[in-house]
Amino acid sequence: MDGSRGVDRVFAALGDAGRRSLVEAVAARGSATATELAAERPVTRQAVAKQLSALERAGLLHATRAGRETRYEVTPEPLEEAVEWMVSVGSAWDERLAGLRRSLARYGNRRSMRQPPGSSRS
């Protein structure tokens, strides 16, 4: 997958609850067809097939055709790239928040040094 565009496609695909549910169902089964997945949902096989195609375009599923049947399996690499992106963004925020905590602690220490014990500001 190609960097941020790949991550964008993953998040766009997983932005829909129905598609997330399909990824979970395929992962739980190991592989599945649109017909199998539609039997468990209140939607048509065609609707499921359309969502599976969107997930395949995003790189989240791999389709294997055998005769008239298309089986889908989860492709973990794009999910791993999305997780790596979230970790990197999260760690950047962790660093920023730690810096803010240090600044607030220094501010609080300076402020308490200026006030005599037992006094309060109004």
N, C-alpha and C. Protein backbone atom coordinates (compact mmCIF):
# COMPACT_ATOMS: atom_id res chain seq x y z
N MET A 1 0.84 -1.18 0.00
CA MET A 1 0.00 0.00 0.00
C MET A 1 0.88 1.24 0.00
N ASP A 2 0.40 2.35 -0.49
CA ASP A 2 1.24 3.52 -0.71
C ASP A 2 1.07 4.60 0.35
N GLY A 3 1.65 4.37 1.52
CA GLY A 3 1.73 5.38 2.57
C GLY A 3 0.40 5.92 3.03
N SER A 4 0.32 7.25 3.08
CA SER A 4 -0.86 7.88 3.65
C SER A 4 -2.12 7.64 2.81
N ARG A 5 -1.97 7.48 1.50
CA ARG A 5 -3.16 7.19 0.68
C ARG A 5 -3.76 5.85 1.07
N GLY A 6 -2.91 4.88 1.39
CA GLY A 6 -3.40 3.57 1.82
C GLY A 6 -4.13 3.67 3.14
N VAL A 7 -3.57 4.42 4.07
CA VAL A 7 -4.21 4.61 5.37
C VAL A 7 -5.53 5.35 5.18
N ASP A 8 -5.55 6.33 4.29
CA ASP A 8 -6.80 7.06 4.01
C ASP A 8 -7.87 6.10 3.49
N ARG A 9 -7.49 5.21 2.61
CA ARG A 9 -8.47 4.24 2.07
C ARG A 9 -8.98 3.31 3.16
N VAL A 10 -8.10 2.89 4.05
CA VAL A 10 -8.51 2.01 5.15
C VAL A 10 -9.53 2.72 6.03
N PHE A 11 -9.22 3.96 6.44
CA PHE A 11 -10.15 4.68 7.31
C PHE A 11 -11.46 5.00 6.60
N ALA A 12 -11.39 5.32 5.33
CA ALA A 12 -12.63 5.59 4.57
C ALA A 12 -13.49 4.33 4.52
N ALA A 13 -12.85 3.19 4.26
CA ALA A 13 -13.60 1.93 4.18
C ALA A 13 -14.18 1.55 5.53
N LEU A 14 -13.41 1.73 6.59
CA LEU A 14 -13.86 1.34 7.92
C LEU A 14 -14.75 2.40 8.59
N GLY A 15 -14.95 3.51 7.90
CA GLY A 15 -15.84 4.56 8.41
C GLY A 15 -17.30 4.14 8.42
N ASP A 16 -17.61 3.07 7.72
CA ASP A 16 -18.98 2.57 7.64
C ASP A 16 -19.13 1.37 8.58
N ALA A 17 -20.12 1.43 9.47
CA ALA A 17 -20.33 0.35 10.45
C ALA A 17 -20.62 -0.99 9.77
N GLY A 18 -21.33 -0.97 8.68
CA GLY A 18 -21.64 -2.21 7.96
C GLY A 18 -20.39 -2.87 7.41
N ARG A 19 -19.48 -2.05 6.87
CA ARG A 19 -18.23 -2.61 6.35
C ARG A 19 -17.35 -3.13 7.48
N ARG A 20 -17.32 -2.41 8.61
CA ARG A 20 -16.55 -2.91 9.76
C ARG A 20 -17.10 -4.26 10.22
N SER A 21 -18.41 -4.39 10.23
CA SER A 21 -19.04 -5.64 10.61
C SER A 21 -18.67 -6.77 9.66
N LEU A 22 -18.59 -6.46 8.38
CA LEU A 22 -18.20 -7.48 7.40
C LEU A 22 -16.75 -7.92 7.60
N VAL A 23 -15.86 -6.98 7.87
CA VAL A 23 -14.46 -7.33 8.12
C VAL A 23 -14.38 -8.25 9.34
N GLU A 24 -15.11 -7.91 10.39
CA GLU A 24 -15.12 -8.75 11.59
C GLU A 24 -15.65 -10.14 11.29
N ALA A 25 -16.72 -10.22 10.50
CA ALA A 25 -17.31 -11.52 10.18
C ALA A 25 -16.37 -12.38 9.34
N VAL A 26 -15.72 -11.76 8.35
CA VAL A 26 -14.77 -12.51 7.52
C VAL A 26 -13.59 -12.96 8.38
N ALA A 27 -13.10 -12.11 9.24
CA ALA A 27 -11.97 -12.47 10.11
C ALA A 27 -12.34 -13.63 11.03
N ALA A 28 -13.54 -13.60 11.57
CA ALA A 28 -13.98 -14.65 12.48
C ALA A 28 -14.10 -16.00 11.76
N ARG A 29 -14.54 -15.97 10.51
CA ARG A 29 -14.72 -17.19 9.74
C ARG A 29 -13.44 -17.69 9.09
N GLY A 30 -12.51 -16.78 8.85
CA GLY A 30 -11.32 -17.13 8.08
C GLY A 30 -11.49 -16.78 6.62
N SER A 31 -12.65 -17.09 6.07
CA SER A 31 -13.02 -16.66 4.72
C SER A 31 -14.53 -16.78 4.62
N ALA A 32 -15.11 -16.06 3.66
CA ALA A 32 -16.56 -16.09 3.50
C ALA A 32 -16.94 -15.59 2.12
N THR A 33 -18.13 -15.97 1.69
CA THR A 33 -18.69 -15.48 0.43
C THR A 33 -19.75 -14.44 0.74
N ALA A 34 -20.11 -13.65 -0.25
CA ALA A 34 -21.17 -12.66 -0.08
C ALA A 34 -22.48 -13.35 0.31
N THR A 35 -22.74 -14.51 -0.27
CA THR A 35 -23.97 -15.24 0.03
C THR A 35 -24.01 -15.66 1.50
N GLU A 36 -22.89 -16.19 2.00
CA GLU A 36 -22.82 -16.60 3.41
C GLU A 36 -23.04 -15.41 4.34
N LEU A 37 -22.40 -14.30 4.03
CA LEU A 37 -22.51 -13.12 4.88
C LEU A 37 -23.89 -12.49 4.81
N ALA A 38 -24.50 -12.49 3.64
CA ALA A 38 -25.83 -11.90 3.48
C ALA A 38 -26.88 -12.70 4.24
N ALA A 39 -26.67 -14.02 4.35
CA ALA A 39 -27.63 -14.87 5.08
C ALA A 39 -27.73 -14.46 6.55
N GLU A 40 -26.71 -13.80 7.08
CA GLU A 40 -26.67 -13.39 8.48
C GLU A 40 -27.11 -11.94 8.69
N ARG A 41 -27.51 -11.27 7.61
CA ARG A 41 -27.81 -9.84 7.70
C ARG A 41 -29.14 -9.51 7.04
N PRO A 42 -29.73 -8.39 7.45
CA PRO A 42 -31.01 -7.98 6.85
C PRO A 42 -30.84 -7.18 5.56
N VAL A 43 -29.85 -7.55 4.76
CA VAL A 43 -29.60 -6.87 3.48
C VAL A 43 -29.45 -7.92 2.38
N THR A 44 -29.49 -7.46 1.16
CA THR A 44 -29.39 -8.39 0.03
C THR A 44 -27.95 -8.83 -0.19
N ARG A 45 -27.80 -9.90 -0.91
CA ARG A 45 -26.49 -10.40 -1.29
C ARG A 45 -25.76 -9.35 -2.12
N GLN A 46 -26.49 -8.66 -2.99
CA GLN A 46 -25.89 -7.63 -3.83
C GLN A 46 -25.32 -6.49 -2.99
N ALA A 47 -26.05 -6.12 -1.94
CA ALA A 47 -25.56 -5.04 -1.06
C ALA A 47 -24.27 -5.48 -0.34
N VAL A 48 -24.26 -6.72 0.11
CA VAL A 48 -23.06 -7.24 0.78
C VAL A 48 -21.91 -7.31 -0.22
N ALA A 49 -22.18 -7.79 -1.43
CA ALA A 49 -21.13 -7.89 -2.45
C ALA A 49 -20.54 -6.52 -2.77
N LYS A 50 -21.38 -5.50 -2.80
CA LYS A 50 -20.90 -4.13 -3.07
C LYS A 50 -19.96 -3.67 -1.95
N GLN A 51 -20.33 -3.94 -0.70
CA GLN A 51 -19.49 -3.54 0.43
C GLN A 51 -18.19 -4.34 0.44
N LEU A 52 -18.26 -5.63 0.12
CA LEU A 52 -17.05 -6.44 0.06
C LEU A 52 -16.10 -5.91 -1.01
N SER A 53 -16.65 -5.48 -2.14
CA SER A 53 -15.81 -4.90 -3.20
C SER A 53 -15.12 -3.63 -2.73
N ALA A 54 -15.84 -2.81 -1.98
CA ALA A 54 -15.23 -1.58 -1.45
C ALA A 54 -14.10 -1.92 -0.49
N LEU A 55 -14.30 -2.95 0.33
CA LEU A 55 -13.25 -3.38 1.26
C LEU A 55 -12.06 -3.96 0.52
N GLU A 56 -12.33 -4.64 -0.58
CA GLU A 56 -11.23 -5.19 -1.39
C GLU A 56 -10.44 -4.06 -2.05
N ARG A 57 -11.12 -3.05 -2.57
CA ARG A 57 -10.43 -1.90 -3.18
C ARG A 57 -9.56 -1.17 -2.16
N ALA A 58 -10.00 -1.16 -0.91
CA ALA A 58 -9.21 -0.51 0.16
C ALA A 58 -8.05 -1.39 0.60
N GLY A 59 -8.00 -2.62 0.08
CA GLY A 59 -6.91 -3.53 0.42
C GLY A 59 -7.15 -4.34 1.68
N LEU A 60 -8.34 -4.21 2.26
CA LEU A 60 -8.63 -4.90 3.53
C LEU A 60 -9.03 -6.35 3.34
N LEU A 61 -9.52 -6.68 2.15
CA LEU A 61 -9.91 -8.05 1.86
C LEU A 61 -9.24 -8.50 0.57
N HIS A 62 -9.02 -9.81 0.47
CA HIS A 62 -8.49 -10.42 -0.75
C HIS A 62 -9.55 -11.38 -1.26
N ALA A 63 -9.89 -11.26 -2.54
CA ALA A 63 -10.91 -12.12 -3.14
C ALA A 63 -10.26 -13.20 -3.98
N THR A 64 -10.77 -14.41 -3.84
CA THR A 64 -10.32 -15.53 -4.64
C THR A 64 -11.55 -16.13 -5.31
N ARG A 65 -11.50 -16.19 -6.62
CA ARG A 65 -12.64 -16.71 -7.37
C ARG A 65 -12.41 -18.18 -7.71
N ALA A 66 -13.41 -19.01 -7.42
CA ALA A 66 -13.39 -20.43 -7.77
C ALA A 66 -14.74 -20.75 -8.40
N GLY A 67 -14.75 -20.84 -9.73
CA GLY A 67 -16.02 -21.05 -10.44
C GLY A 67 -16.91 -19.84 -10.28
N ARG A 68 -18.12 -20.06 -9.79
CA ARG A 68 -19.07 -18.95 -9.61
C ARG A 68 -18.95 -18.31 -8.23
N GLU A 69 -18.11 -18.87 -7.39
CA GLU A 69 -18.01 -18.41 -6.01
C GLU A 69 -16.77 -17.54 -5.81
N THR A 70 -16.96 -16.43 -5.09
CA THR A 70 -15.84 -15.58 -4.71
C THR A 70 -15.73 -15.61 -3.20
N ARG A 71 -14.58 -16.03 -2.70
CA ARG A 71 -14.34 -16.09 -1.26
C ARG A 71 -13.44 -14.92 -0.88
N TYR A 72 -13.74 -14.34 0.25
CA TYR A 72 -12.98 -13.19 0.76
C TYR A 72 -12.25 -13.58 2.02
N GLU A 73 -11.02 -13.07 2.13
CA GLU A 73 -10.20 -13.24 3.33
C GLU A 73 -9.66 -11.87 3.73
N VAL A 74 -9.44 -11.68 5.02
CA VAL A 74 -8.88 -10.41 5.51
C VAL A 74 -7.41 -10.33 5.14
N THR A 75 -7.01 -9.15 4.71
CA THR A 75 -5.61 -8.85 4.41
C THR A 75 -5.11 -7.97 5.56
N PRO A 76 -4.23 -8.48 6.42
CA PRO A 76 -3.86 -7.73 7.62
C PRO A 76 -2.95 -6.53 7.40
N GLU A 77 -2.16 -6.50 6.34
CA GLU A 77 -1.17 -5.43 6.17
C GLU A 77 -1.76 -4.02 6.22
N PRO A 78 -2.85 -3.73 5.51
CA PRO A 78 -3.38 -2.36 5.58
C PRO A 78 -3.85 -1.99 7.00
N LEU A 79 -4.38 -2.97 7.73
CA LEU A 79 -4.78 -2.69 9.11
C LEU A 79 -3.56 -2.38 9.96
N GLU A 80 -2.47 -3.11 9.73
CA GLU A 80 -1.24 -2.86 10.47
C GLU A 80 -0.71 -1.46 10.18
N GLU A 81 -0.78 -1.03 8.91
CA GLU A 81 -0.34 0.32 8.56
C GLU A 81 -1.19 1.37 9.27
N ALA A 82 -2.50 1.14 9.34
CA ALA A 82 -3.39 2.09 10.02
C ALA A 82 -3.07 2.15 11.51
N VAL A 83 -2.80 1.00 12.12
CA VAL A 83 -2.44 0.95 13.54
C VAL A 83 -1.12 1.69 13.76
N GLU A 84 -0.14 1.47 12.89
CA GLU A 84 1.14 2.18 13.01
C GLU A 84 0.93 3.69 12.95
N TRP A 85 0.06 4.13 12.05
CA TRP A 85 -0.23 5.56 11.93
C TRP A 85 -0.85 6.08 13.23
N MET A 86 -1.82 5.32 13.78
CA MET A 86 -2.47 5.76 15.02
C MET A 86 -1.48 5.81 16.18
N VAL A 87 -0.58 4.85 16.25
CA VAL A 87 0.43 4.84 17.31
C VAL A 87 1.34 6.05 17.18
N SER A 88 1.77 6.36 15.95
CA SER A 88 2.68 7.50 15.78
C SER A 88 1.98 8.81 16.13
N VAL A 89 0.74 8.96 15.75
CA VAL A 89 0.00 10.18 16.10
C VAL A 89 -0.24 10.22 17.60
N GLY A 90 -0.58 9.08 18.17
CA GLY A 90 -0.82 9.02 19.62
C GLY A 90 0.42 9.35 20.41
N SER A 91 1.58 8.86 19.97
CA SER A 91 2.80 9.15 20.72
C SER A 91 3.16 10.62 20.62
N ALA A 92 2.89 11.24 19.49
CA ALA A 92 3.14 12.68 19.36
C ALA A 92 2.27 13.45 20.35
N TRP A 93 1.01 13.03 20.49
CA TRP A 93 0.13 13.69 21.45
C TRP A 93 0.56 13.40 22.88
N ASP A 94 1.04 12.18 23.14
CA ASP A 94 1.54 11.86 24.47
C ASP A 94 2.66 12.82 24.85
N GLU A 95 3.59 13.07 23.91
CA GLU A 95 4.70 13.98 24.17
C GLU A 95 4.19 15.40 24.43
N ARG A 96 3.23 15.84 23.63
CA ARG A 96 2.69 17.20 23.82
C ARG A 96 1.99 17.33 25.17
N LEU A 97 1.19 16.32 25.52
CA LEU A 97 0.48 16.37 26.79
C LEU A 97 1.44 16.31 27.97
N ALA A 98 2.51 15.52 27.86
CA ALA A 98 3.51 15.47 28.93
C ALA A 98 4.17 16.84 29.09
N GLY A 99 4.47 17.51 27.99
CA GLY A 99 5.03 18.86 28.05
C GLY A 99 4.08 19.84 28.70
N LEU A 100 2.79 19.72 28.38
CA LEU A 100 1.79 20.58 28.99
C LEU A 100 1.71 20.33 30.51
N ARG A 101 1.74 19.05 30.90
CA ARG A 101 1.73 18.71 32.33
C ARG A 101 2.93 19.34 33.05
N ARG A 102 4.11 19.23 32.43
CA ARG A 102 5.31 19.81 33.05
C ARG A 102 5.16 21.33 33.18
N SER A 103 4.66 21.97 32.15
CA SER A 103 4.47 23.43 32.21
C SER A 103 3.47 23.82 33.27
N LEU A 104 2.37 23.08 33.36
CA LEU A 104 1.37 23.39 34.38
C LEU A 104 1.92 23.14 35.78
N ALA A 105 2.72 22.09 35.93
CA ALA A 105 3.32 21.81 37.24
C ALA A 105 4.27 22.94 37.64
N ARG A 106 5.10 23.42 36.68
CA ARG A 106 6.01 24.53 36.98
C ARG A 106 5.21 25.78 37.33
N TYR A 107 4.14 26.05 36.58
CA TYR A 107 3.31 27.21 36.85
C TYR A 107 2.69 27.09 38.24
N GLY A 108 2.18 25.90 38.56
CA GLY A 108 1.58 25.68 39.88
C GLY A 108 2.59 25.85 40.99
N ASN A 109 3.83 25.37 40.79
CA ASN A 109 4.87 25.52 41.80
C ASN A 109 5.23 26.98 42.00
N ARG A 110 5.37 27.73 40.91
CA ARG A 110 5.70 29.16 41.01
C ARG A 110 4.59 29.91 41.71
N ARG A 111 3.37 29.57 41.39
CA ARG A 111 2.23 30.26 41.98
C ARG A 111 2.15 29.98 43.47
N SER A 112 2.37 28.73 43.87
CA SER A 112 2.29 28.40 45.30
C SER A 112 3.44 29.04 46.07
N MET A 113 4.59 29.28 45.42
CA MET A 113 5.72 29.92 46.09
C MET A 113 5.41 31.38 46.39
N ARG A 114 4.60 32.01 45.56
CA ARG A 114 4.29 33.42 45.74
C ARG A 114 3.25 33.65 46.82
N GLN A 115 2.43 32.66 47.12
CA GLN A 115 1.38 32.83 48.12
C GLN A 115 1.86 32.30 49.47
N PRO A 116 1.64 33.09 50.53
CA PRO A 116 1.99 32.60 51.86
C PRO A 116 1.09 31.41 52.23
N PRO A 117 1.62 30.45 53.00
CA PRO A 117 0.80 29.28 53.39
C PRO A 117 -0.45 29.73 54.12
N GLY A 118 -1.54 29.07 53.80
CA GLY A 118 -2.81 29.36 54.46
C GLY A 118 -3.59 30.50 53.85
N SER A 119 -2.98 31.26 52.94
CA SER A 119 -3.73 32.35 52.32
C SER A 119 -4.44 31.83 51.09
N SER A 120 -5.50 32.48 50.73
CA SER A 120 -6.23 32.10 49.50
C SER A 120 -6.53 33.34 48.74
N ARG A 121 -6.57 33.15 47.44
CA ARG A 121 -6.89 34.28 46.56
C ARG A 121 -8.37 34.30 46.30
N SER A 122 -8.91 35.49 46.19
CA SER A 122 -10.34 35.64 45.89
C SER A 122 -10.55 36.06 44.49
